[in-house]
Protein backbone atom coordinates (compact mmCIF):
# COMPACT_ATOMS: atom_id res chain seq x y z
CA MET A 1 0.00 0.00 0.00
CA HIS A 2 1.46 3.32 -1.01
CA PHE A 3 0.46 6.94 -1.51
CA ILE A 4 1.57 9.94 -3.55
CA ASP A 5 1.71 13.44 -2.10
CA THR A 6 0.74 15.43 -5.18
CA HIS A 7 1.57 18.87 -3.73
CA ALA A 8 4.28 19.69 -1.18
CA HIS A 9 6.68 22.64 -0.95
CA THR A 10 9.51 20.41 0.24
CA TYR A 11 12.08 23.10 -0.60
CA ASP A 12 10.51 25.54 1.88
CA GLU A 13 12.95 27.03 4.39
CA SER A 14 11.08 25.40 7.26
CA PHE A 15 12.48 22.02 6.13
CA LEU A 16 16.13 23.10 5.95
CA GLY A 17 17.13 21.60 9.29
CA ASP A 18 15.58 18.16 8.92
CA LEU A 19 14.71 17.53 5.28
CA ASP A 20 16.27 14.05 5.16
CA ALA A 21 14.40 12.98 8.30
CA THR A 22 11.16 14.41 6.93
CA ILE A 23 11.50 12.43 3.71
CA SER A 24 12.36 9.27 5.66
CA SER A 25 9.21 9.75 7.75
CA ALA A 26 7.19 10.14 4.55
CA GLN A 27 8.60 6.89 3.17
CA GLU A 28 7.80 5.08 6.43
CA ALA A 29 4.21 6.35 6.10
CA GLY A 30 3.97 4.79 2.63
CA ILE A 31 4.61 7.90 0.54
CA THR A 32 6.52 6.83 -2.58
CA LYS A 33 6.55 10.12 -4.49
CA ILE A 34 6.29 13.79 -3.51
CA LEU A 35 5.38 16.28 -6.24
CA MET A 36 6.87 19.74 -5.75
CA PRO A 37 5.11 22.79 -7.22
CA ASN A 38 7.33 25.71 -8.13
CA ILE A 39 6.33 29.22 -7.02
CA ASP A 40 8.77 31.70 -8.63
CA THR A 41 12.32 31.99 -9.97
CA GLU A 42 13.81 31.86 -6.46
CA SER A 43 12.42 28.40 -5.69
CA ILE A 44 13.76 26.68 -8.83
CA GLU A 45 17.31 25.86 -7.73
CA PRO A 46 16.34 24.71 -4.20
CA MET A 47 13.71 22.46 -5.79
CA PHE A 48 16.22 20.99 -8.25
CA SER A 49 18.76 20.29 -5.49
CA ILE A 50 16.15 18.27 -3.59
CA GLN A 51 15.25 16.33 -6.72
CA GLU A 52 18.91 15.43 -7.28
CA LYS A 53 19.35 14.18 -3.71
CA HIS A 54 15.90 12.59 -3.39
CA PRO A 55 14.63 11.40 -6.80
CA MET A 56 11.23 10.56 -5.27
CA CYS A 57 10.67 14.34 -5.14
CA ILE A 58 9.52 15.39 -8.60
CA PRO A 59 9.33 19.05 -9.68
CA MET A 60 6.71 21.08 -11.46
CA MET A 61 7.47 24.37 -13.18
CA GLY A 62 5.30 27.46 -13.03
CA LEU A 63 4.70 30.93 -11.62
CA HIS A 64 2.38 31.02 -8.60
CA PRO A 65 -0.29 33.76 -8.86
CA ALA A 66 0.69 35.32 -5.52
CA TYR A 67 4.14 35.99 -7.04
CA VAL A 68 2.77 37.81 -10.07
CA LYS A 69 4.10 41.26 -9.23
CA ALA A 70 5.69 44.18 -11.08
CA ASP A 71 8.47 41.93 -12.41
CA TRP A 72 6.07 39.25 -13.69
CA GLU A 73 7.33 39.38 -17.27
CA LYS A 74 10.94 38.66 -16.25
CA GLN A 75 9.78 35.90 -13.91
CA LEU A 76 7.64 34.28 -16.59
CA GLU A 77 10.41 34.51 -19.19
CA LYS A 78 12.88 32.69 -16.93
CA ILE A 79 10.34 30.03 -16.03
CA GLU A 80 9.60 29.51 -19.71
CA ARG A 81 13.32 28.95 -20.39
CA TYR A 82 13.59 26.28 -17.71
CA LEU A 83 10.38 24.60 -18.80
CA PHE A 84 11.12 24.39 -22.51
CA ALA A 85 14.79 23.48 -22.02
CA ASP A 86 13.79 20.13 -20.50
CA PRO A 87 10.00 19.64 -20.28
CA LEU A 88 10.34 15.93 -19.42
CA ARG A 89 12.00 16.90 -16.14
CA PHE A 90 8.64 18.17 -14.88
CA CYS A 91 5.46 16.30 -13.95
CA ALA A 92 3.23 19.38 -14.40
CA ILE A 93 3.04 23.10 -14.95
CA GLY A 94 2.33 24.51 -11.54
CA GLU A 95 1.56 25.96 -9.26
CA ILE A 96 -0.46 28.32 -11.44
CA GLY A 97 -3.89 29.93 -11.23
CA MET A 98 -5.32 32.97 -9.50
CA ASP A 99 -5.30 34.31 -5.95
CA LEU A 100 -7.44 37.32 -5.07
CA TYR A 101 -7.35 36.77 -1.32
CA TRP A 102 -4.32 38.91 -0.50
CA ASP A 103 -4.11 41.36 -3.35
CA LYS A 104 -6.31 42.25 -6.33
CA SER A 105 -4.00 44.89 -7.79
CA PHE A 106 -2.45 42.44 -10.30
CA LEU A 107 -5.74 40.85 -11.36
CA GLU A 108 -5.25 41.40 -15.10
CA GLU A 109 -1.62 40.28 -14.95
CA GLN A 110 -2.65 37.13 -13.10
CA LYS A 111 -5.14 36.37 -15.87
CA THR A 112 -2.45 36.87 -18.52
CA VAL A 113 0.10 34.69 -16.71
CA PHE A 114 -2.43 31.93 -16.03
CA THR A 115 -3.59 31.86 -19.65
CA GLN A 116 -0.02 31.78 -20.97
CA GLN A 117 0.91 28.85 -18.75
CA ILE A 118 -2.22 26.92 -19.74
CA GLN A 119 -1.16 27.31 -23.36
CA TRP A 120 2.32 25.98 -22.55
CA ALA A 121 0.71 22.96 -20.89
CA LYS A 122 -1.32 22.17 -23.98
CA LYS A 123 1.73 22.58 -26.20
CA LEU A 124 3.88 20.28 -24.02
CA ASP A 125 1.12 17.82 -23.07
CA LEU A 126 1.65 18.44 -19.35
CA PRO A 127 -1.07 18.70 -16.70
CA ILE A 128 -1.56 21.90 -14.71
CA ALA A 129 -1.76 22.30 -10.93
CA ILE A 130 -4.22 25.10 -10.24
CA HIS A 131 -4.15 27.38 -7.21
CA ALA A 132 -7.62 28.88 -6.71
CA ARG A 133 -8.17 31.25 -3.80
CA ASP A 134 -11.14 33.61 -3.84
CA ALA A 135 -10.99 33.29 -7.63
CA PHE A 136 -13.13 30.38 -8.86
CA ASN A 137 -15.22 32.60 -11.12
CA GLU A 138 -12.17 34.21 -12.72
CA ILE A 139 -10.49 30.83 -13.19
CA PHE A 140 -13.61 29.26 -14.68
CA GLU A 141 -13.93 32.19 -17.10
CA ILE A 142 -10.45 31.42 -18.45
CA LEU A 143 -10.80 27.63 -18.41
CA ASP A 144 -14.18 27.77 -20.15
CA LYS A 145 -12.33 29.35 -23.08
CA GLU A 146 -9.08 27.37 -22.92
CA ASN A 147 -10.34 23.88 -22.08
CA ASP A 148 -10.10 21.25 -24.80
CA ASP A 149 -9.50 17.51 -25.11
CA THR A 150 -5.78 17.93 -24.35
CA LEU A 151 -6.02 20.02 -21.18
CA LYS A 152 -5.85 18.18 -17.87
CA GLY A 153 -4.86 18.94 -14.33
CA VAL A 154 -5.77 19.24 -10.68
CA PHE A 155 -7.46 21.90 -8.60
CA HIS A 156 -4.94 21.87 -5.77
CA CYS A 157 -6.29 22.29 -2.24
CA PHE A 158 -9.88 22.16 -3.43
CA THR A 159 -12.22 23.75 -0.90
CA GLY A 160 -15.04 24.81 -3.20
CA ASN A 161 -18.75 24.06 -3.04
CA THR A 162 -20.83 21.41 -4.81
CA ALA A 163 -21.57 23.58 -7.85
CA GLN A 164 -17.87 24.41 -8.27
CA ALA A 165 -16.91 20.74 -7.96
CA GLN A 166 -19.45 19.88 -10.64
CA HIS A 167 -18.15 22.66 -12.91
CA ILE A 168 -14.66 21.18 -12.60
CA LYS A 169 -15.88 17.66 -13.34
CA ASN A 170 -17.62 18.92 -16.47
CA TYR A 171 -14.25 19.89 -17.95
CA GLY A 172 -13.47 16.20 -18.23
CA GLY A 173 -9.74 16.21 -17.51
CA PHE A 174 -9.47 17.62 -13.99
CA LEU A 175 -9.19 16.08 -10.54
CA LEU A 176 -9.58 17.58 -7.07
CA GLY A 177 -6.55 17.78 -4.77
CA ILE A 178 -7.64 16.95 -1.22
CA GLY A 179 -5.55 17.80 1.83
CA GLY A 180 -5.71 18.69 5.50
CA VAL A 181 -8.77 20.95 5.23
CA LEU A 182 -10.89 17.80 4.90
CA THR A 183 -10.04 16.91 8.51
CA TYR A 184 -11.04 20.28 10.02
CA LYS A 185 -13.98 20.25 12.39
CA ASN A 186 -16.00 23.00 10.66
CA SER A 187 -15.05 22.12 7.08
CA GLU A 188 -17.89 21.53 4.60
CA LEU A 189 -15.52 19.77 2.21
CA GLY A 190 -16.57 16.24 3.19
CA LYS A 191 -20.21 17.05 2.48
CA THR A 192 -19.26 18.53 -0.90
CA LEU A 193 -17.24 15.46 -1.88
CA LYS A 194 -20.08 13.13 -0.93
CA GLU A 195 -22.49 15.16 -3.06
CA ALA A 196 -20.34 15.86 -6.11
CA ALA A 197 -17.35 13.51 -6.30
CA SER A 198 -16.13 9.93 -6.12
CA LEU A 199 -12.69 8.53 -5.30
CA GLU A 200 -11.96 8.47 -9.03
CA ASP A 201 -12.07 12.30 -8.95
CA LEU A 202 -9.50 12.73 -6.18
CA VAL A 203 -5.77 12.88 -5.52
CA LEU A 204 -4.19 13.37 -2.11
CA GLU A 205 -1.84 16.18 -1.11
CA THR A 206 -0.45 18.03 1.89
CA ASP A 207 0.55 21.52 0.67
CA ALA A 208 3.33 21.10 3.25
CA PRO A 209 4.45 23.04 5.22
CA TYR A 210 0.98 24.61 5.16
CA LEU A 211 -2.50 23.37 6.15
CA PRO A 212 -1.58 20.51 8.50
CA PRO A 213 -4.41 18.05 9.14
CA THR A 214 -5.99 17.41 12.50
CA PRO A 215 -4.38 16.44 14.92
CA TYR A 216 -1.31 18.38 13.77
CA ARG A 217 -2.86 21.84 13.43
CA GLY A 218 -0.48 24.54 14.58
CA LYS A 219 2.54 22.47 13.55
CA ARG A 220 4.52 22.41 10.32
CA ASN A 221 2.80 20.11 7.87
CA GLU A 222 4.78 17.33 6.19
CA SER A 223 4.10 14.50 3.77
CA ALA A 224 3.88 11.80 6.44
CA TYR A 225 0.80 13.50 7.87
CA MET A 226 -1.15 12.85 4.67
CA ILE A 227 -2.29 9.52 6.14
CA GLU A 228 -4.75 11.51 8.27
CA VAL A 229 -6.45 12.74 5.09
CA ALA A 230 -6.62 9.18 3.80
CA PHE A 231 -8.24 8.00 7.06
CA LYS A 232 -10.84 10.75 6.71
CA LEU A 233 -11.68 9.48 3.22
CA VAL A 234 -12.09 5.98 4.67
CA ASP A 235 -14.79 7.37 6.97
CA LEU A 236 -16.35 9.46 4.23
CA PHE A 237 -16.63 6.83 1.50
CA GLN A 238 -16.80 3.74 3.77
CA VAL A 239 -14.08 1.84 1.91
CA PRO A 240 -10.85 0.26 3.23
CA LEU A 241 -7.65 2.31 3.49
CA GLU A 242 -6.08 0.03 0.86
CA GLU A 243 -8.74 1.11 -1.61
CA ILE A 244 -8.13 4.81 -0.87
CA ALA A 245 -4.43 4.23 -1.50
CA ARG A 246 -4.97 2.23 -4.69
CA ILE A 247 -7.40 4.61 -6.38
CA THR A 248 -5.79 7.94 -5.42
CA THR A 249 -2.33 6.62 -6.32
CA LEU A 250 -3.55 5.38 -9.70
CA ASN A 251 -5.24 8.75 -10.33
CA ALA A 252 -1.99 10.58 -9.58
CA GLU A 253 0.15 8.22 -11.66
CA GLU A 254 -2.10 8.65 -14.68
CA LEU A 255 -2.61 12.42 -14.43
CA PHE A 256 1.05 13.28 -13.84
CA GLN A 257 2.46 10.51 -16.10
CA LEU A 258 4.59 9.32 -13.22
CA ASN A 259 5.78 6.20 -15.04
CA ARG A 260 8.30 8.57 -16.67
CA PHE A 261 10.09 9.11 -13.36
């Protein structure tokens, strides 16, 4: 029985002191691969160095919407160079999308950057990992135009409602990334998944070091803690843990073409 953490910022500074131990703990918990979303040009080299030391950690390449600032054109140009120099090094284009929670001043630039990276994904036949925070409507507006038979991906850290889950399913090529929020006492996510999704629609993730599941709230999240999310899905769908592992792992392997790594 094994699992795949489809979204973890393993290169984050909070892991500098004990990265090797953290990865060992993940392996002991049954995690066989950790997918690392890029955020900007500063995170590229730290991400690559982890991949070289720990091949189970597989990078994505993309510009995170929260890092779309005044220098966005230079950032995007550098990310494009890395991506097109060796596209097979990456399991996805991500983390991309839109984030209007902190700052709406770069709304139009976020739309431009998101659209550009979607087009790269279609050209390179790579999935996309979408960050959606306070921006489902804006993201749907772009995806409604850009979606076609070749586009596929995951809505990372999905916390939307039933209608939004159904909208995503209607695209045909997208899964929902489910993490620690599912375990939170006041979360409506479990209800949404029961109404609008099946295990075939889901992949597991941590978003480490962020959003630790219960009972680790207040601590740094890490890949080993993802088992708590899996246990919650056991309760939700009333199937054995082995079945959660089998289906979510298969979903991740197919979406991210992990047989290449």
